[in-house]
Structure formats: C-alpha cells, structure tokens
Protein backbone atom coordinates (compact mmCIF):
# COMPACT_ATOMS: atom_id res chain seq x y z
CA MET A 1 -9.01 -53.77 13.04
CA ILE A 2 -11.56 -53.77 10.23
CA LEU A 3 -9.10 -55.25 7.77
CA ALA A 4 -7.94 -57.77 10.37
CA GLY A 5 -11.54 -58.90 10.89
CA LEU A 6 -12.02 -59.34 7.15
CA THR A 7 -8.84 -61.37 6.93
CA LEU A 8 -10.04 -63.72 9.69
CA ALA A 9 -13.37 -64.11 7.92
CA LEU A 10 -11.63 -65.06 4.71
CA LEU A 11 -9.40 -67.57 6.52
CA ALA A 12 -12.50 -69.13 8.06
CA GLY A 13 -13.59 -70.04 4.55
CA CYS A 14 -16.35 -67.57 3.95
CA SER A 15 -17.84 -68.35 0.55
CA GLU A 16 -19.48 -64.97 -0.17
CA ASP A 17 -16.37 -63.44 -1.74
CA GLY A 18 -18.19 -60.81 -3.76
CA GLN A 19 -20.18 -59.48 -0.82
CA LEU A 20 -17.10 -59.39 1.38
CA LYS A 21 -15.12 -57.49 -1.26
CA GLU A 22 -17.87 -54.91 -1.62
CA LEU A 23 -18.09 -54.53 2.15
CA ALA A 24 -14.31 -54.19 2.43
CA ASP A 25 -14.26 -51.53 -0.31
CA GLN A 26 -16.93 -49.51 1.50
CA GLN A 27 -15.09 -49.73 4.81
CA VAL A 28 -11.76 -48.77 3.25
CA LEU A 29 -13.42 -45.79 1.53
CA ALA A 30 -14.98 -44.69 4.82
CA ALA A 31 -11.62 -45.01 6.56
CA SER A 32 -9.95 -42.95 3.80
CA LYS A 33 -12.52 -40.17 4.11
CA ALA A 34 -12.01 -40.10 7.88
CA ALA A 35 -8.25 -39.85 7.42
CA LEU A 36 -8.61 -37.02 4.90
CA HIS A 37 -10.95 -35.15 7.25
CA GLU A 38 -8.50 -35.56 10.11
CA ALA A 39 -5.64 -34.27 7.92
CA ALA A 40 -7.69 -31.28 6.78
CA THR A 41 -8.65 -30.47 10.37
CA THR A 42 -5.01 -30.63 11.42
CA THR A 43 -3.99 -28.31 8.55
CA ALA A 44 -6.73 -25.81 9.38
CA ALA A 45 -5.79 -25.87 13.05
CA GLY A 46 -2.18 -25.15 12.09
CA GLN A 47 -3.09 -22.02 10.10
CA ASN A 48 -3.19 -19.00 12.38
CA ALA A 49 -4.51 -15.71 11.02
CA ALA A 50 -3.61 -13.95 14.28
CA LEU A 51 -0.08 -13.27 12.99
CA LEU A 52 0.91 -11.56 9.74
CA ARG A 53 4.43 -11.21 8.32
CA ALA A 54 4.62 -8.28 5.90
CA THR A 55 7.49 -7.38 3.57
CA LEU A 56 7.77 -4.10 1.72
CA GLY A 57 8.48 -4.23 -2.01
CA SER A 58 10.85 -1.88 -3.79
CA GLY A 59 8.54 1.09 -3.21
CA GLY A 60 9.14 1.10 0.55
CA THR A 61 12.12 1.40 2.89
CA GLY A 62 11.10 0.20 6.34
CA TRP A 63 8.12 -0.15 8.64
CA ALA A 64 7.57 2.36 11.46
CA GLU A 65 6.18 2.03 14.98
CA GLY A 66 2.42 2.27 14.96
CA ASP A 67 2.03 1.00 11.38
CA THR A 68 -1.14 -1.00 10.84
CA ILE A 69 -2.45 -3.33 8.14
CA TRP A 70 -6.03 -4.30 7.40
CA SER A 71 -6.97 -7.56 5.71
CA TYR A 72 -10.07 -8.09 3.60
CA SER A 73 -11.80 -10.85 1.68
CA LEU A 74 -14.45 -10.15 -0.95
CA GLU A 75 -16.45 -13.05 0.54
CA SER A 76 -16.99 -11.17 3.80
CA MET A 77 -17.82 -7.65 4.94
CA LYS A 78 -15.61 -8.15 7.99
CA ARG A 79 -11.92 -7.34 8.30
CA ASN A 80 -8.94 -8.00 10.53
CA GLY A 81 -6.72 -5.25 11.88
CA TYR A 82 -3.00 -5.86 12.53
CA LEU A 83 -0.54 -3.70 14.48
CA LEU A 84 3.24 -3.75 14.04
CA GLY A 85 4.74 -6.05 16.66
CA ASN A 86 8.43 -6.10 15.76
CA GLY A 87 10.57 -5.13 12.80
CA ALA A 88 10.41 -1.31 12.91
CA GLY A 89 13.12 0.07 10.63
CA SER A 90 13.17 -3.10 8.56
CA ALA A 91 11.46 -3.95 5.28
CA SER A 92 10.16 -7.16 6.88
CA ALA A 93 8.07 -7.08 10.06
CA THR A 94 5.59 -9.08 12.10
CA PHE A 95 2.12 -7.74 12.80
CA THR A 96 -0.29 -8.98 15.48
CA ARG A 97 -4.05 -9.04 15.06
CA TYR A 98 -5.79 -6.59 17.36
CA GLU A 99 -9.20 -6.44 15.68
CA GLY A 100 -11.42 -9.00 13.94
CA SER A 101 -11.61 -12.78 14.02
CA GLU A 102 -11.56 -13.83 10.36
CA ASP A 103 -9.57 -17.05 9.95
CA TYR A 104 -9.64 -17.20 6.10
CA GLN A 105 -10.15 -20.96 5.96
CA ASP A 106 -12.51 -20.75 2.97
CA GLY A 107 -9.72 -20.40 0.40
CA SER A 108 -10.76 -16.90 -0.67
CA THR A 109 -8.19 -14.28 -1.72
CA VAL A 110 -7.00 -12.24 1.26
CA TYR A 111 -6.08 -8.63 0.45
CA THR A 112 -3.77 -6.71 2.77
CA ILE A 113 -3.80 -2.91 2.84
CA SER A 114 -1.70 -0.57 4.92
CA SER A 115 -4.28 1.62 6.56
CA PRO A 116 -3.77 5.33 6.00
CA LYS A 117 -6.03 8.09 7.16
CA TYR A 118 -7.48 8.73 3.72
CA LEU A 119 -8.72 5.28 2.70
CA TYR A 120 -12.04 5.84 0.88
CA GLY A 121 -13.10 2.20 0.61
CA ILE A 122 -12.63 -1.24 -0.88
CA SER A 123 -15.29 -2.94 -2.99
CA ALA A 124 -15.77 -5.70 -5.54
CA ARG A 125 -15.67 -5.13 -9.27
CA GLY A 126 -16.64 -8.49 -10.62
CA LYS A 127 -14.24 -10.96 -9.02
CA GLN A 128 -11.57 -8.31 -8.41
CA ALA A 129 -11.00 -5.90 -5.54
CA LEU A 130 -11.31 -2.17 -6.24
CA LEU A 131 -9.52 0.18 -3.85
CA THR A 132 -10.51 3.86 -3.69
CA VAL A 133 -8.38 6.40 -1.83
CA THR A 134 -8.08 10.14 -1.44
CA ILE A 135 -4.88 12.13 -1.77
CA PRO A 136 -5.72 15.38 0.04
CA SER A 137 -4.70 18.74 -1.35
CA GLY A 138 -2.66 19.28 1.82
CA TYR A 139 -0.64 17.12 4.23
CA GLU A 140 0.92 17.87 7.59
CA ALA A 141 4.63 17.03 7.75
CA SER A 142 3.88 14.34 10.34
CA GLU A 143 1.67 12.51 7.83
CA VAL A 144 4.45 12.10 5.27
CA GLY A 145 7.58 12.36 7.46
CA ALA A 146 9.70 9.41 8.58
CA GLN A 147 12.87 8.66 10.50
CA GLU A 148 16.04 7.17 9.01
CA GLY A 149 15.46 3.67 7.66
CA GLN A 150 11.70 4.06 7.64
CA SER A 151 9.20 5.21 5.05
CA ARG A 152 5.77 6.75 5.32
CA MET A 153 2.83 5.39 3.31
CA PRO A 154 0.17 8.11 3.08
CA VAL A 155 -1.37 6.17 0.18
CA PRO A 156 -1.99 2.46 0.87
CA PHE A 157 0.49 -0.24 0.06
CA TRP A 158 -1.27 -3.47 -0.80
CA GLY A 159 -0.69 -7.19 -1.28
CA THR A 160 -2.35 -10.58 -1.09
CA ALA A 161 -1.72 -12.84 1.89
CA THR A 162 -1.31 -16.61 2.03
CA PHE A 163 -0.51 -18.99 4.83
CA GLY A 164 3.21 -19.73 5.09
CA SER A 165 4.94 -22.97 6.06
CA ASP A 166 4.64 -22.10 9.77
CA GLY A 167 0.89 -21.45 9.47
CA SER A 168 1.06 -17.64 9.79
CA LEU A 169 -0.16 -15.25 7.10
CA GLU A 170 2.51 -13.65 4.95
CA THR A 171 2.32 -10.89 2.34
CA GLU A 172 4.45 -8.60 0.20
CA MET A 173 3.18 -5.00 0.11
CA ASN A 174 3.61 -2.75 -2.92
CA GLY A 175 2.79 0.90 -3.57
CA LEU A 176 0.08 2.30 -5.84
CA THR A 177 1.98 5.54 -6.51
CA ALA A 178 5.53 6.72 -6.66
CA LEU A 179 6.90 8.38 -3.53
CA LEU A 180 8.90 11.59 -3.85
CA ARG A 181 11.53 11.39 -1.09
CA VAL A 182 12.69 14.78 0.21
CA ASP A 183 15.72 15.10 2.49
CA CYS A 184 14.51 17.42 5.24
CA SER A 185 18.03 18.69 5.93
CA THR A 186 18.21 20.20 2.41
CA LEU A 187 15.04 22.27 2.71
CA PRO A 188 15.52 26.07 2.73
CA ALA A 189 15.46 27.36 6.28
CA ASP A 190 12.73 29.91 5.48
CA ALA A 191 10.44 27.47 3.65
CA LYS A 192 7.02 27.11 5.25
CA ALA A 193 5.62 24.58 2.79
CA LEU A 194 6.41 22.42 -0.21
CA VAL A 195 4.00 22.73 -3.11
CA LEU A 196 3.83 20.33 -6.04
CA THR A 197 1.98 21.75 -9.02
CA THR A 198 1.35 20.90 -12.67
CA HIS A 199 -0.87 23.94 -13.29
CA SER A 200 -1.00 25.56 -16.71
CA TYR A 201 0.24 28.82 -15.22
CA THR A 202 2.36 29.17 -12.07
CA GLU A 203 3.72 32.45 -10.76
CA LEU A 204 6.61 33.01 -8.41
CA VAL A 205 6.25 36.55 -7.14
CA ASP A 206 9.16 38.78 -8.22
CA ALA A 207 10.91 35.96 -10.06
CA GLU A 208 12.53 37.17 -13.27
CA THR A 209 11.58 34.00 -15.17
CA PRO A 210 8.23 32.27 -14.53
CA PRO A 211 8.16 28.47 -14.25
CA GLU A 212 7.33 26.52 -17.37
CA ASP A 213 3.61 26.02 -17.99
CA GLY A 214 2.23 22.61 -17.05
CA ALA A 215 -0.66 20.59 -18.42
CA GLY A 216 -2.68 20.31 -15.20
CA GLU A 217 -2.24 16.58 -14.62
CA PRO A 218 -3.83 15.44 -11.32
CA LEU A 219 -1.80 15.31 -8.11
CA SER A 220 -4.55 15.22 -5.48
CA GLY A 221 -8.18 14.17 -5.32
CA THR A 222 -9.87 10.76 -5.25
CA PHE A 223 -8.44 7.87 -7.26
CA ASP A 224 -8.92 4.13 -7.53
CA ALA A 225 -7.10 0.98 -8.63
CA ILE A 226 -7.95 -2.63 -9.36
CA LEU A 227 -5.76 -4.70 -7.04
CA GLU A 228 -3.81 -6.85 -9.44
CA GLN A 229 -0.17 -7.14 -10.45
CA GLY A 230 1.21 -3.74 -11.48
CA ALA A 231 -1.72 -1.86 -9.93
CA GLN A 232 -1.55 1.93 -9.82
CA LEU A 233 -3.93 4.74 -8.98
CA ALA A 234 -5.91 6.34 -11.78
CA SER A 235 -8.30 9.29 -11.97
CA VAL A 236 -12.01 8.60 -11.63
CA PRO A 237 -14.39 10.75 -13.74
CA ILE A 238 -17.02 10.96 -10.98
CA PHE A 239 -14.52 12.35 -8.45
CA TYR A 240 -12.68 15.65 -8.32
CA ALA A 241 -8.94 15.84 -8.99
CA TYR A 242 -6.60 18.79 -8.52
CA ASP A 243 -3.26 19.87 -9.96
CA THR A 244 -1.57 20.84 -6.68
CA LEU A 245 -0.42 19.08 -3.53
CA ARG A 246 0.89 20.99 -0.51
CA VAL A 247 2.93 19.80 2.50
CA ASP A 248 3.03 22.06 5.57
CA LEU A 249 6.62 21.97 6.82
CA THR A 250 5.80 22.72 10.46
CA GLY A 251 7.61 20.02 12.42
CA ALA A 252 9.51 18.72 9.40
CA SER A 253 12.83 19.25 11.18
CA ALA A 254 11.99 16.26 13.39
CA CYS A 255 11.91 13.97 10.33
CA ARG A 256 14.73 12.56 8.23
CA HIS A 257 12.75 12.37 4.99
CA LEU A 258 9.37 13.32 3.61
CA TYR A 259 7.58 10.76 1.41
CA ILE A 260 5.09 12.56 -0.82
CA PRO A 261 2.81 10.43 -3.03
CA VAL A 262 2.91 11.24 -6.74
CA VAL A 263 0.30 9.57 -8.91
CA ALA A 264 2.32 7.39 -11.26
CA ALA A 265 2.63 9.25 -14.55
CA SER A 266 4.86 11.54 -16.51
CA TYR A 267 4.22 15.26 -16.53
CA LYS A 268 4.72 18.07 -18.98
CA ALA A 269 6.01 20.13 -16.05
CA LEU A 270 5.79 19.10 -12.41
CA HIS A 271 7.26 21.81 -10.18
CA VAL A 272 8.39 21.23 -6.60
CA ILE A 273 8.36 24.67 -4.96
CA ALA A 274 9.77 25.66 -1.58
CA VAL A 275 7.19 28.25 -0.52
CA THR A 276 8.30 31.05 1.78
CA ALA A 277 5.07 33.08 1.62
CA ASP A 278 1.64 32.74 0.07
CA HIS A 279 0.05 35.21 -2.32
CA ARG A 280 -3.49 36.54 -2.56
CA PHE A 281 -3.91 34.91 -5.97
CA PRO A 282 -4.13 31.14 -6.49
CA TYR A 283 -1.15 29.44 -8.13
CA ALA A 284 1.09 32.31 -7.05
CA TRP A 285 3.68 32.00 -4.29
CA GLN A 286 6.89 33.47 -3.00
CA GLY A 287 9.72 30.97 -2.98
CA ARG A 288 11.80 29.05 -5.45
CA VAL A 289 11.57 25.95 -7.61
CA LEU A 290 13.66 23.13 -6.17
CA LYS A 291 13.09 20.81 -9.11
CA THR A 292 11.03 20.54 -12.28
CA TYR A 293 10.19 17.08 -13.58
CA ARG A 294 9.27 16.69 -17.21
CA GLN A 295 8.04 13.90 -19.47
CA ASP A 296 11.46 12.26 -19.56
CA SER A 297 11.25 11.74 -15.76
CA PRO A 298 8.32 9.35 -15.23
CA PHE A 299 6.94 8.50 -11.80
CA ARG A 300 6.28 4.77 -11.85
CA PRO A 301 4.16 3.00 -9.21
CA ASN A 302 5.97 1.27 -6.35
CA THR A 303 9.15 3.35 -6.75
CA ILE A 304 10.95 5.97 -4.68
CA VAL A 305 12.15 9.09 -6.48
CA ALA A 306 14.73 11.10 -4.53
CA LEU A 307 14.41 14.86 -4.86
CA GLU A 308 17.72 16.28 -6.05
CA PRO A 309 17.44 20.08 -6.19
CA GLU A 310 18.66 21.59 -9.42
CA SER A 311 19.54 25.01 -10.71
CA THR A 312 16.51 26.27 -12.61
CA GLY A 313 17.82 29.69 -13.52
CA ILE A 314 15.15 31.19 -11.30
CA ARG A 315 16.57 33.48 -8.67
CA THR A 316 15.26 33.40 -5.13
CA PRO A 317 12.60 36.10 -5.22
CA ARG A 318 13.02 39.37 -3.42
CA ILE A 319 10.66 40.41 -0.67
CA SER A 320 7.35 41.35 -2.25
CA ARG A 321 6.77 45.03 -2.79
C-alpha cells in the first residue's frame, strides 16, 4: 500500500522527486526491518527446547529406561533436565524436558551431559566448559550393570546441542573414559567383587606367582575435562586419586553386562581380579586374575573394551590357611 501510494503520487506529477525518493527509501527500509523481525519471531517460535533427541557415539550401546540428560549454557546458572521418553535399547532416543525452562534462544553453546550420581560440577574456564566428576573407589553392580542392548554410563557422556530442522534440540553424546564391558555370565560363581588395580604391589593369597607390579596409575578419584572434541578425563593435582576400583557383584546376575569406567590411558599393569574373599592387608585378596592389560592395550576415551579372560599362569588360590 505504501508503494502504491508513492506510485500514485508520482503519476500525479509530483515535482519533489528527491524528497519522495528519500521517503520511499525510509519506508522500504522500515518494511524490511519489520519483515526480518517477523521472520526471526517465527523461527524462534519454531524452536522448541522441550524435546531433545540424543544419539550415543561409538562409546555407548543403547539408552536405558530412566536415563536422564541435563543441559547447560555458560551464559546461565540454570539448567534443563530431560528424561528418556522413547528409544530404550537404541543408540538414538527422544528425551522430554521435566525440569527447567531455558529456551536457548540467545545463540549460546548448549552442553548436554548424561547425569550420573557422581557429577561434581560444571564451570567455565575462559570461554570453555569444564566438567568435574568423581569415580568412586567402589560401585554397586546396579550402578554399572545393564541389560542386553543397553549400556550404563556411570561417568557422564557429553555433547553440544543445536536445534534441528524440526525445531527440537539434537545432540550426539560421547564418553570421557573407556568402558570395560564384562559379560556377567562369565564371572566365577564364587566371585563377590571385581577389583581393578594398578598398584605397585598386588598379592593374591596362596597364589604361586604374584601378579606383575603396576605403576599406580589412577583408576578412581576426582577428575576433570574441558568439553571439546576428543575430551577425556584427566587427574587434577588438588584432588585425590586412587589406584583401585571395586565393583560389588551382589545382584550382578540380573544384568547382562557390567560397564566399568577406565580413565583413558595405557597402564604398565592393570589387573582385573575376581575376588572371592578379602584379606586383612590392603592390596591383598583371594581370587584370580581374569585379565591383565599392559601398555600395548590402551584404553581410549569413548570406546568399549570387552573383557576377554585369559590364562595368566596363576592358579586359583587354595582356601587360606
């Protein structure tokens, strides 16, 4: 209508061409800004942070019922919480927001973190996100056990989320450690726990040959990682770290696999011991070594390493005298 009015004015023989051109330019510019604002409003309205599609990278197998994801932005202290809606047993699933109201319309980076029990915190280091987590010295089997086609993530998987073509958030989640996958059906019937240790001296009571000495590399404690491509957990000097990690096998028979986090590294000697009885001294157990990993068997972040028991030459110990 504006342009039509200008055209009629020109046809009527208006002589102030310069003023009319300037006025027309201003009105066209105003109309363009209004159109851009309307388009931006429509785009924002079409982006819905209430739904999140999450895909597991190569370090995961499948989502499980009850899995949750938290989303964060360094521009806000608030977060959204998402609960698995559908897709259990699949590497790709849809999560529904159950907590928070952040809409992420400011263009900031949105970090997604699977929310385990032992999340220490997320903070800013410059313009990057720093995630700090704890790997406890002991897990219950239920914390690391999963059914067929599913994986457990006791250490967070992470990703960055963007709005997809349908307006929902979408993310790919990757692991910060390797996961040692243990087939529960292969565990010795009398084993009460699995112990991972890299200690400099490990004793199996009554074993004829002691396990090889390790170098004490950390397996549990508090670690952190900058959330960027290829991120992996690393030791933090101000926090404690320990050279053992224990999984209580009570209830493990109800699981198909155990997924035990192993800080991505190579080890001089990482022993996986099926413990049948504890000893009064630390780093001494009754049981047998299922597998020893050495420096030629690295644990890379975002990978699954299947435990394949091997013959170590160590006989199953006799009952302690």
